[in-house]
Structures are given as structure tokens and as C-alpha cells.
């Protein structure tokens, strides 16, 4: 019996196409706004300590 992964590949292709369509639909003002805040968005990227992640996971498990 053969397995095919067509659905997965189509899903990836459709997602890429949706991303392209989303970028094409931006107005000039939206592109300017995005470019002006892009550097600030990169500064917001955080890399938490492993201990912090475990504390969050433990807390969420305690709520179940």
C-alpha cells in the first residue's frame, strides 16, 4: 500500500500563496507603517530562560 502526502504539500503551497496574497493587499500606508515599526518589533523578541518556561508549564498544569 502506498502513502501519499498530497494534502500536506497542498496545505503548504496554499499557505505560501495566502501569505503572498496578504502582502499584495497591503496599502502603501500600511507598508510604511510596518516598515517603521519593524525594528521595534525585533526588540520585543524575547528568549526566556528554560526555568521560566518550566514554571509557566507547571503553573498551567496546576490549573487543570
PDB file of N, CA and C in Angstrom:
ATOM      1  N   UNK A   1       0.846  -1.167   0.000  1.00  0.00           N
ATOM      2  CA  UNK A   1       0.000   0.000   0.000  1.00  0.00           C
ATOM      3  C   UNK A   1       0.900   1.242   0.000  1.00  0.00           C
ATOM      4  N   UNK A   2       0.571   2.189  -0.824  1.00  0.00           N
ATOM      5  CA  UNK A   2       1.348   3.419  -0.923  1.00  0.00           C
ATOM      6  C   UNK A   2       0.684   4.522  -0.116  1.00  0.00           C
ATOM      7  N   UNK A   3       1.528   5.363   0.455  1.00  0.00           N
ATOM      8  CA  UNK A   3       1.014   6.532   1.153  1.00  0.00           C
ATOM      9  C   UNK A   3       1.351   7.759   0.330  1.00  0.00           C
ATOM     10  N   UNK A   4       0.428   8.659   0.251  1.00  0.00           N
ATOM     11  CA  UNK A   4       0.696   9.908  -0.452  1.00  0.00           C
ATOM     12  C   UNK A   4       0.551  11.058   0.529  1.00  0.00           C
ATOM     13  N   UNK A   5       1.282  12.083   0.276  1.00  0.00           N
ATOM     14  CA  UNK A   5       1.286  13.243   1.153  1.00  0.00           C
ATOM     15  C   UNK A   5       0.814  14.482   0.404  1.00  0.00           C
ATOM     16  N   UNK A   6      -0.087  14.296  -0.519  1.00  0.00           N
ATOM     17  CA  UNK A   6      -0.573  15.392  -1.348  1.00  0.00           C
ATOM     18  C   UNK A   6      -1.252  16.469  -0.512  1.00  0.00           C
ATOM     19  N   UNK A   7      -2.044  16.067   0.465  1.00  0.00           N
ATOM     20  CA  UNK A   7      -2.756  17.053   1.277  1.00  0.00           C
ATOM     21  C   UNK A   7      -1.777  17.955   2.011  1.00  0.00           C
ATOM     22  N   UNK A   8      -0.698  17.368   2.541  1.00  0.00           N
ATOM     23  CA  UNK A   8       0.296  18.160   3.254  1.00  0.00           C
ATOM     24  C   UNK A   8       0.959  19.147   2.315  1.00  0.00           C
ATOM     25  N   UNK A   9       1.348  18.681   1.145  1.00  0.00           N
ATOM     26  CA  UNK A   9       2.015  19.564   0.196  1.00  0.00           C
ATOM     27  C   UNK A   9       1.078  20.663  -0.286  1.00  0.00           C
ATOM     28  N   UNK A  10      -0.175  20.322  -0.530  1.00  0.00           N
ATOM     29  CA  UNK A  10      -1.139  21.339  -0.941  1.00  0.00           C
ATOM     30  C   UNK A  10      -1.348  22.360   0.168  1.00  0.00           C
ATOM     31  N   UNK A  11      -1.366  21.892   1.417  1.00  0.00           N
ATOM     32  CA  UNK A  11      -1.526  22.803   2.543  1.00  0.00           C
ATOM     33  C   UNK A  11      -0.383  23.785   2.632  1.00  0.00           C
ATOM     34  N   UNK A  12       0.827  23.308   2.410  1.00  0.00           N
ATOM     35  CA  UNK A  12       2.000  24.180   2.447  1.00  0.00           C
ATOM     36  C   UNK A  12       1.941  25.167   1.293  1.00  0.00           C
ATOM     37  N   UNK A  13       1.598  24.689   0.097  1.00  0.00           N
ATOM     38  CA  UNK A  13       1.516  25.561  -1.071  1.00  0.00           C
ATOM     39  C   UNK A  13       0.425  26.608  -0.889  1.00  0.00           C
ATOM     40  N   UNK A  14      -0.722  26.191  -0.341  1.00  0.00           N
ATOM     41  CA  UNK A  14      -1.817  27.136  -0.124  1.00  0.00           C
ATOM     42  C   UNK A  14      -1.436  28.187   0.906  1.00  0.00           C
ATOM     43  N   UNK A  15      -0.705  27.794   1.945  1.00  0.00           N
ATOM     44  CA  UNK A  15      -0.276  28.746   2.972  1.00  0.00           C
ATOM     45  C   UNK A  15       0.676  29.769   2.370  1.00  0.00           C
ATOM     46  N   UNK A  16       1.608  29.314   1.541  1.00  0.00           N
ATOM     47  CA  UNK A  16       2.542  30.233   0.898  1.00  0.00           C
ATOM     48  C   UNK A  16       1.798  31.199  -0.014  1.00  0.00           C
ATOM     49  N   UNK A  17       0.808  30.697  -0.730  1.00  0.00           N
ATOM     50  CA  UNK A  17       0.024  31.544  -1.622  1.00  0.00           C
ATOM     51  C   UNK A  17      -0.781  32.561  -0.821  1.00  0.00           C
ATOM     52  N   UNK A  18      -1.321  32.156   0.315  1.00  0.00           N
ATOM     53  CA  UNK A  18      -2.080  33.081   1.155  1.00  0.00           C
ATOM     54  C   UNK A  18      -1.180  34.190   1.679  1.00  0.00           C
ATOM     55  N   UNK A  19       0.066  33.850   2.058  1.00  0.00           N
ATOM     56  CA  UNK A  19       0.997  34.864   2.535  1.00  0.00           C
ATOM     57  C   UNK A  19       1.306  35.874   1.440  1.00  0.00           C
ATOM     58  N   UNK A  20       1.493  35.389   0.210  1.00  0.00           N
ATOM     59  CA  UNK A  20       1.752  36.294  -0.906  1.00  0.00           C
ATOM     60  C   UNK A  20       0.553  37.201  -1.151  1.00  0.00           C
ATOM     61  N   UNK A  21      -0.646  36.641  -1.107  1.00  0.00           N
ATOM     62  CA  UNK A  21      -1.847  37.443  -1.329  1.00  0.00           C
ATOM     63  C   UNK A  21      -2.024  38.486  -0.236  1.00  0.00           C
ATOM     64  N   UNK A  22      -1.693  38.146   0.984  1.00  0.00           N
ATOM     65  CA  UNK A  22      -1.824  39.090   2.095  1.00  0.00           C
ATOM     66  C   UNK A  22      -0.886  40.271   1.896  1.00  0.00           C
ATOM     67  N   UNK A  23       0.325  40.012   1.418  1.00  0.00           N
ATOM     68  CA  UNK A  23       1.277  41.093   1.194  1.00  0.00           C
ATOM     69  C   UNK A  23       0.855  41.967   0.021  1.00  0.00           C
ATOM     70  N   UNK A  24       0.240  41.389  -0.991  1.00  0.00           N
ATOM     71  CA  UNK A  24      -0.202  42.162  -2.142  1.00  0.00           C
ATOM     72  C   UNK A  24      -1.356  43.085  -1.786  1.00  0.00           C
ATOM     73  N   UNK A  25      -2.143  42.730  -0.774  1.00  0.00           N
ATOM     74  CA  UNK A  25      -3.323  43.503  -0.412  1.00  0.00           C
ATOM     75  C   UNK A  25      -3.017  44.686   0.502  1.00  0.00           C
ATOM     76  N   UNK A  26      -1.763  44.887   0.872  1.00  0.00           N
ATOM     77  CA  UNK A  26      -1.418  45.993   1.756  1.00  0.00           C
ATOM     78  C   UNK A  26      -1.421  47.312   0.991  1.00  0.00           C
ATOM     79  N   UNK A  27      -1.959  48.343   1.620  1.00  0.00           N
ATOM     80  CA  UNK A  27      -1.894  49.683   1.044  1.00  0.00           C
ATOM     81  C   UNK A  27      -0.512  50.257   1.292  1.00  0.00           C
ATOM     82  N   UNK A  28      -0.192  51.338   0.617  1.00  0.00           N
ATOM     83  CA  UNK A  28       1.109  51.986   0.782  1.00  0.00           C
ATOM     84  C   UNK A  28       1.285  52.469   2.220  1.00  0.00           C
ATOM     85  N   UNK A  29       0.208  52.999   2.820  1.00  0.00           N
ATOM     86  CA  UNK A  29       0.290  53.478   4.203  1.00  0.00           C
ATOM     87  C   UNK A  29       0.607  52.340   5.165  1.00  0.00           C
ATOM     88  N   UNK A  30       0.011  51.175   4.931  1.00  0.00           N
ATOM     89  CA  UNK A  30       0.264  50.027   5.797  1.00  0.00           C
ATOM     90  C   UNK A  30       1.701  49.540   5.664  1.00  0.00           C
ATOM     91  N   UNK A  31       2.236  49.563   4.465  1.00  0.00           N
ATOM     92  CA  UNK A  31       3.621  49.145   4.253  1.00  0.00           C
ATOM     93  C   UNK A  31       4.566  50.107   4.954  1.00  0.00           C
ATOM     94  N   UNK A  32       4.307  51.393   4.840  1.00  0.00           N
ATOM     95  CA  UNK A  32       5.146  52.396   5.508  1.00  0.00           C
ATOM     96  C   UNK A  32       5.080  52.208   7.017  1.00  0.00           C
ATOM     97  N   UNK A  33       3.870  51.985   7.554  1.00  0.00           N
ATOM     98  CA  UNK A  33       3.714  51.774   8.991  1.00  0.00           C
ATOM     99  C   UNK A  33       4.470  50.531   9.442  1.00  0.00           C
ATOM    100  N   UNK A  34       4.324  49.439   8.700  1.00  0.00           N
ATOM    101  CA  UNK A  34       5.016  48.200   9.063  1.00  0.00           C
ATOM    102  C   UNK A  34       6.523  48.404   9.057  1.00  0.00           C
ATOM    103  N   UNK A  35       7.038  49.052   8.030  1.00  0.00           N
ATOM    104  CA  UNK A  35       8.480  49.274   7.954  1.00  0.00           C
ATOM    105  C   UNK A  35       8.974  50.167   9.082  1.00  0.00           C
ATOM    106  N   UNK A  36       8.132  51.085   9.552  1.00  0.00           N
ATOM    107  CA  UNK A  36       8.554  51.969  10.637  1.00  0.00           C
ATOM    108  C   UNK A  36       8.594  51.251  11.988  1.00  0.00           C
ATOM    109  N   UNK A  37       7.763  50.225  12.180  1.00  0.00           N
ATOM    110  CA  UNK A  37       7.758  49.534  13.475  1.00  0.00           C
ATOM    111  C   UNK A  37       8.521  48.216  13.451  1.00  0.00           C
ATOM    112  N   UNK A  38       9.027  47.815  12.299  1.00  0.00           N
ATOM    113  CA  UNK A  38       9.686  46.512  12.192  1.00  0.00           C
ATOM    114  C   UNK A  38      10.875  46.396  13.152  1.00  0.00           C
ATOM    115  N   UNK A  39      11.689  47.431  13.260  1.00  0.00           N
ATOM    116  CA  UNK A  39      12.845  47.384  14.156  1.00  0.00           C
ATOM    117  C   UNK A  39      12.395  47.248  15.610  1.00  0.00           C
ATOM    118  N   UNK A  40      11.332  47.956  15.981  1.00  0.00           N
ATOM    119  CA  UNK A  40      10.821  47.867  17.349  1.00  0.00           C
ATOM    120  C   UNK A  40      10.259  46.482  17.640  1.00  0.00           C
ATOM    121  N   UNK A  41       9.652  45.860  16.650  1.00  0.00           N
ATOM    122  CA  UNK A  41       9.120  44.511  16.840  1.00  0.00           C
ATOM    123  C   UNK A  41      10.244  43.515  17.101  1.00  0.00           C
ATOM    124  N   UNK A  42      11.376  43.699  16.434  1.00  0.00           N
ATOM    125  CA  UNK A  42      12.512  42.817  16.664  1.00  0.00           C
ATOM    126  C   UNK A  42      13.039  42.959  18.090  1.00  0.00           C
ATOM    127  N   UNK A  43      12.947  44.155  18.655  1.00  0.00           N
ATOM    128  CA  UNK A  43      13.402  44.366  20.029  1.00  0.00           C
ATOM    129  C   UNK A  43      12.497  43.663  21.038  1.00  0.00           C
ATOM    130  N   UNK A  44      11.242  43.443  20.675  1.00  0.00           N
ATOM    131  CA  UNK A  44      10.304  42.790  21.575  1.00  0.00           C
ATOM    132  C   UNK A  44      10.498  41.282  21.647  1.00  0.00           C
ATOM    133  N   UNK A  45      11.259  40.741  20.731  1.00  0.00           N
ATOM    134  CA  UNK A  45      11.510  39.303  20.703  1.00  0.00           C
ATOM    135  C   UNK A  45      12.320  38.925  21.937  1.00  0.00           C
ATOM    136  N   UNK A  46      11.830  38.012  22.720  1.00  0.00           N
ATOM    137  CA  UNK A  46      12.482  37.604  23.969  1.00  0.00           C
ATOM    138  C   UNK A  46      12.886  36.144  23.910  1.00  0.00           C
ATOM    139  N   UNK A  47      13.916  35.814  24.654  1.00  0.00           N
ATOM    140  CA  UNK A  47      14.353  34.431  24.798  1.00  0.00           C
ATOM    141  C   UNK A  47      14.359  34.114  26.294  1.00  0.00           C
ATOM    142  N   UNK A  48      13.249  33.558  26.791  1.00  0.00           N
ATOM    143  CA  UNK A  48      13.157  33.291  28.231  1.00  0.00           C
ATOM    144  C   UNK A  48      14.092  32.159  28.652  1.00  0.00           C
ATOM    145  N   UNK A  49      14.440  32.183  29.922  1.00  0.00           N
ATOM    146  CA  UNK A  49      15.255  31.102  30.477  1.00  0.00           C
ATOM    147  C   UNK A  49      14.432  29.820  30.499  1.00  0.00           C
ATOM    148  N   UNK A  50      15.110  28.701  30.445  1.00  0.00           N
ATOM    149  CA  UNK A  50      14.433  27.409  30.471  1.00  0.00           C
ATOM    150  C   UNK A  50      13.636  27.252  31.763  1.00  0.00           C
ATOM    151  N   UNK A  51      14.167  27.768  32.861  1.00  0.00           N
ATOM    152  CA  UNK A  51      13.480  27.687  34.147  1.00  0.00           C
ATOM    153  C   UNK A  51      12.137  28.428  34.088  1.00  0.00           C
ATOM    154  N   UNK A  52      12.104  29.566  33.426  1.00  0.00           N
ATOM    155  CA  UNK A  52      10.869  30.332  33.300  1.00  0.00           C
ATOM    156  C   UNK A  52       9.818  29.555  32.524  1.00  0.00           C
ATOM    157  N   UNK A  53      10.237  28.897  31.461  1.00  0.00           N
ATOM    158  CA  UNK A  53       9.310  28.091  30.659  1.00  0.00           C
ATOM    159  C   UNK A  53       8.726  26.968  31.500  1.00  0.00           C
ATOM    160  N   UNK A  54       9.583  26.303  32.285  1.00  0.00           N
ATOM    161  CA  UNK A  54       9.104  25.209  33.131  1.00  0.00           C
ATOM    162  C   UNK A  54       8.140  25.716  34.202  1.00  0.00           C
ATOM    163  N   UNK A  55       8.398  26.884  34.747  1.00  0.00           N
ATOM    164  CA  UNK A  55       7.491  27.446  35.751  1.00  0.00           C
ATOM    165  C   UNK A  55       6.117  27.739  35.146  1.00  0.00           C
ATOM    166  N   UNK A  56       6.107  28.263  33.931  1.00  0.00           N
ATOM    167  CA  UNK A  56       4.836  28.537  33.257  1.00  0.00           C
ATOM    168  C   UNK A  56       4.087  27.239  32.981  1.00  0.00           C
ATOM    169  N   UNK A  57       4.803  26.229  32.508  1.00  0.00           N
ATOM    170  CA  UNK A  57       4.170  24.941  32.229  1.00  0.00           C
ATOM    171  C   UNK A  57       3.633  24.297  33.504  1.00  0.00           C
ATOM    172  N   UNK A  58       4.406  24.365  34.589  1.00  0.00           N
ATOM    173  CA  UNK A  58       3.940  23.808  35.861  1.00  0.00           C
ATOM    174  C   UNK A  58       2.687  24.530  36.352  1.00  0.00           C
ATOM    175  N   UNK A  59       2.672  25.841  36.201  1.00  0.00           N
ATOM    176  CA  UNK A  59       1.507  26.609  36.624  1.00  0.00           C
ATOM    177  C   UNK A  59       0.277  26.215  35.808  1.00  0.00           C
ATOM    178  N   UNK A  60       0.445  26.084  34.499  1.00  0.00           N
ATOM    179  CA  UNK A  60      -0.709  25.737  33.664  1.00  0.00           C
ATOM    180  C   UNK A  60      -1.212  24.330  33.969  1.00  0.00           C
ATOM    181  N   UNK A  61      -0.303  23.419  34.318  1.00  0.00           N
ATOM    182  CA  UNK A  61      -0.723  22.062  34.678  1.00  0.00           C
ATOM    183  C   UNK A  61      -1.474  22.056  36.002  1.00  0.00           C
ATOM    184  N   UNK A  62      -1.114  22.967  36.907  1.00  0.00           N
ATOM    185  CA  UNK A  62      -1.778  23.008  38.208  1.00  0.00           C
ATOM    186  C   UNK A  62      -3.211  23.520  38.094  1.00  0.00           C
ATOM    187  N   UNK A  63      -3.543  24.201  37.007  1.00  0.00           N
ATOM    188  CA  UNK A  63      -4.889  24.738  36.826  1.00  0.00           C
ATOM    189  C   UNK A  63      -5.860  23.707  36.278  1.00  0.00           C
ATOM    190  N   UNK A  64      -5.369  22.586  35.821  1.00  0.00           N
ATOM    191  CA  UNK A  64      -6.241  21.553  35.231  1.00  0.00           C
ATOM    192  C   UNK A  64      -7.047  20.834  36.264  1.00  0.00           C
TER     193      UNK A  64
END
